[in-house]
Amino acid sequence: MGLGSTAKTLQKVADIAEKLFKRMNQMRQEIQGLQAALDNTETDTAELRRELAETRALVEAVAEAEGVDTEAVLEDVTYPDPEGKTAAERAAAEADDDGDEAAA
């Protein structure tokens, strides 16, 4: 192997190393940004939980003063579907599933 091909090989290795170093720095910056966003999210979540607890305490105090049974009210609550479906859409999907099973 001559000196010319060794120099070319070394230059290729140096180019690849430079590209890897740039990409590593980009990834480091992205990770630092994600860490900052995560820290902000944790702070926001803690604040929302605190505000929710305060609101709940106030609503329960008002409900108690008005003679409202909060446990009975909560039993009648319809919680949103995690998939974002309405009650009618869930019922239709369940009916379709039942029909599919009967046909099988």
C-alpha atoms as a PDB file:
ATOM      1  CA  MET A   1       0.000   0.000   0.000  1.00  0.00           C
ATOM      2  CA  GLY A   2       1.467   3.300  -1.059  1.00  0.00           C
ATOM      3  CA  LEU A   3       1.586   6.562   0.839  1.00  0.00           C
ATOM      4  CA  GLY A   4      -1.141   8.023  -1.365  1.00  0.00           C
ATOM      5  CA  SER A   5      -3.717   5.398  -0.497  1.00  0.00           C
ATOM      6  CA  THR A   6      -2.776   5.587   3.206  1.00  0.00           C
ATOM      7  CA  ALA A   7      -3.339   9.342   3.159  1.00  0.00           C
ATOM      8  CA  LYS A   8      -6.711   8.860   1.446  1.00  0.00           C
ATOM      9  CA  THR A   9      -7.729   6.250   4.011  1.00  0.00           C
ATOM     10  CA  LEU A  10      -6.666   8.491   6.885  1.00  0.00           C
ATOM     11  CA  GLN A  11      -8.586  11.411   5.358  1.00  0.00           C
ATOM     12  CA  LYS A  12     -11.728   9.247   5.089  1.00  0.00           C
ATOM     13  CA  VAL A  13     -11.360   8.223   8.721  1.00  0.00           C
ATOM     14  CA  ALA A  14     -10.878  11.862   9.748  1.00  0.00           C
ATOM     15  CA  ASP A  15     -13.977  12.922   7.739  1.00  0.00           C
ATOM     16  CA  ILE A  16     -16.092  10.188   9.319  1.00  0.00           C
ATOM     17  CA  ALA A  17     -14.822  11.120  12.800  1.00  0.00           C
ATOM     18  CA  GLU A  18     -15.689  14.788  12.180  1.00  0.00           C
ATOM     19  CA  LYS A  19     -19.214  13.876  11.041  1.00  0.00           C
ATOM     20  CA  LEU A  20     -19.685  11.644  14.078  1.00  0.00           C
ATOM     21  CA  PHE A  21     -18.429  14.393  16.384  1.00  0.00           C
ATOM     22  CA  LYS A  22     -20.883  16.918  14.877  1.00  0.00           C
ATOM     23  CA  ARG A  23     -23.764  14.454  15.172  1.00  0.00           C
ATOM     24  CA  MET A  24     -22.792  13.650  18.765  1.00  0.00           C
ATOM     25  CA  ASN A  25     -22.866  17.365  19.626  1.00  0.00           C
ATOM     26  CA  GLN A  26     -26.288  17.728  17.971  1.00  0.00           C
ATOM     27  CA  MET A  27     -27.604  14.774  19.957  1.00  0.00           C
ATOM     28  CA  ARG A  28     -26.143  16.215  23.172  1.00  0.00           C
ATOM     29  CA  GLN A  29     -27.992  19.502  22.518  1.00  0.00           C
ATOM     30  CA  GLU A  30     -31.223  17.644  21.750  1.00  0.00           C
ATOM     31  CA  ILE A  31     -30.923  15.635  24.965  1.00  0.00           C
ATOM     32  CA  GLN A  32     -30.278  18.793  26.990  1.00  0.00           C
ATOM     33  CA  GLY A  33     -33.381  20.355  25.420  1.00  0.00           C
ATOM     34  CA  LEU A  34     -35.442  17.276  26.273  1.00  0.00           C
ATOM     35  CA  GLN A  35     -34.149  17.323  29.842  1.00  0.00           C
ATOM     36  CA  ALA A  36     -35.130  20.982  30.206  1.00  0.00           C
ATOM     37  CA  ALA A  37     -38.582  20.258  28.761  1.00  0.00           C
ATOM     38  CA  LEU A  38     -38.987  17.316  31.142  1.00  0.00           C
ATOM     39  CA  ASP A  39     -38.030  19.493  34.111  1.00  0.00           C
ATOM     40  CA  ASN A  40     -40.579  22.106  33.029  1.00  0.00           C
ATOM     41  CA  THR A  41     -43.241  19.428  32.589  1.00  0.00           C
ATOM     42  CA  GLU A  42     -42.573  18.035  36.058  1.00  0.00           C
ATOM     43  CA  THR A  43     -42.857  21.529  37.548  1.00  0.00           C
ATOM     44  CA  ASP A  44     -46.068  22.229  35.628  1.00  0.00           C
ATOM     45  CA  THR A  45     -47.537  18.869  36.666  1.00  0.00           C
ATOM     46  CA  ALA A  46     -46.767  19.503  40.329  1.00  0.00           C
ATOM     47  CA  GLU A  47     -48.413  22.936  40.087  1.00  0.00           C
ATOM     48  CA  LEU A  48     -51.498  21.479  38.376  1.00  0.00           C
ATOM     49  CA  ARG A  49     -51.795  18.780  41.038  1.00  0.00           C
ATOM     50  CA  ARG A  50     -51.584  21.404  43.773  1.00  0.00           C
ATOM     51  CA  GLU A  51     -54.218  23.563  42.080  1.00  0.00           C
ATOM     52  CA  LEU A  52     -56.457  20.522  41.547  1.00  0.00           C
ATOM     53  CA  ALA A  53     -56.210  19.587  45.224  1.00  0.00           C
ATOM     54  CA  GLU A  54     -57.113  23.153  46.216  1.00  0.00           C
ATOM     55  CA  THR A  55     -60.046  23.237  43.814  1.00  0.00           C
ATOM     56  CA  ARG A  56     -61.306  19.869  45.007  1.00  0.00           C
ATOM     57  CA  ALA A  57     -61.125  20.979  48.637  1.00  0.00           C
ATOM     58  CA  LEU A  58     -63.058  24.153  47.827  1.00  0.00           C
ATOM     59  CA  VAL A  59     -65.724  22.310  45.814  1.00  0.00           C
ATOM     60  CA  GLU A  60     -66.166  19.688  48.536  1.00  0.00           C
ATOM     61  CA  ALA A  61     -66.480  22.421  51.184  1.00  0.00           C
ATOM     62  CA  VAL A  62     -69.135  24.237  49.130  1.00  0.00           C
ATOM     63  CA  ALA A  63     -70.941  20.948  48.399  1.00  0.00           C
ATOM     64  CA  GLU A  64     -70.940  20.035  52.080  1.00  0.00           C
ATOM     65  CA  ALA A  65     -72.270  23.483  53.007  1.00  0.00           C
ATOM     66  CA  GLU A  66     -75.053  23.017  50.455  1.00  0.00           C
ATOM     67  CA  GLY A  67     -75.824  19.479  51.593  1.00  0.00           C
ATOM     68  CA  VAL A  68     -74.682  17.778  48.382  1.00  0.00           C
ATOM     69  CA  ASP A  69     -73.512  14.162  48.671  1.00  0.00           C
ATOM     70  CA  THR A  70     -70.257  14.306  46.692  1.00  0.00           C
ATOM     71  CA  GLU A  71     -69.784  10.531  46.704  1.00  0.00           C
ATOM     72  CA  ALA A  72     -73.193  10.039  45.085  1.00  0.00           C
ATOM     73  CA  VAL A  73     -72.397  12.665  42.476  1.00  0.00           C
ATOM     74  CA  LEU A  74     -69.062  11.028  41.663  1.00  0.00           C
ATOM     75  CA  GLU A  75     -70.745   7.647  41.191  1.00  0.00           C
ATOM     76  CA  ASP A  76     -72.733   9.120  38.276  1.00  0.00           C
ATOM     77  CA  VAL A  77     -69.730  10.635  36.518  1.00  0.00           C
ATOM     78  CA  THR A  78     -69.019   9.395  32.997  1.00  0.00           C
ATOM     79  CA  TYR A  79     -65.297   9.601  32.419  1.00  0.00           C
ATOM     80  CA  PRO A  80     -63.930  10.411  28.967  1.00  0.00           C
ATOM     81  CA  ASP A  81     -62.686   7.559  26.846  1.00  0.00           C
ATOM     82  CA  PRO A  82     -58.873   7.493  26.587  1.00  0.00           C
ATOM     83  CA  GLU A  83     -59.251   7.023  22.826  1.00  0.00           C
ATOM     84  CA  GLY A  84     -61.424  10.146  22.580  1.00  0.00           C
ATOM     85  CA  LYS A  85     -64.601   8.269  21.597  1.00  0.00           C
ATOM     86  CA  THR A  86     -68.048   9.405  22.634  1.00  0.00           C
ATOM     87  CA  ALA A  87     -70.412   7.081  24.488  1.00  0.00           C
ATOM     88  CA  ALA A  88     -72.385   6.562  21.248  1.00  0.00           C
ATOM     89  CA  GLU A  89     -69.228   5.666  19.323  1.00  0.00           C
ATOM     90  CA  ARG A  90     -68.209   3.178  22.031  1.00  0.00           C
ATOM     91  CA  ALA A  91     -71.681   1.604  22.018  1.00  0.00           C
ATOM     92  CA  ALA A  92     -71.619   1.301  18.212  1.00  0.00           C
ATOM     93  CA  ALA A  93     -68.157  -0.257  18.308  1.00  0.00           C
ATOM     94  CA  GLU A  94     -69.268  -2.736  20.974  1.00  0.00           C
ATOM     95  CA  ALA A  95     -72.334  -3.636  18.888  1.00  0.00           C
ATOM     96  CA  ASP A  96     -70.082  -4.216  15.857  1.00  0.00           C
ATOM     97  CA  ASP A  97     -67.796  -6.399  17.950  1.00  0.00           C
ATOM     98  CA  ASP A  98     -70.758  -8.447  19.163  1.00  0.00           C
ATOM     99  CA  GLY A  99     -71.981  -8.856  15.590  1.00  0.00           C
ATOM    100  CA  ASP A 100     -68.543  -9.951  14.409  1.00  0.00           C
ATOM    101  CA  GLU A 101     -68.332 -12.581  17.163  1.00  0.00           C
ATOM    102  CA  ALA A 102     -71.819 -13.916  16.397  1.00  0.00           C
ATOM    103  CA  ALA A 103     -70.955 -14.252  12.697  1.00  0.00           C
ATOM    104  CA  ALA A 104     -67.766 -16.177  13.460  1.00  0.00           C
END
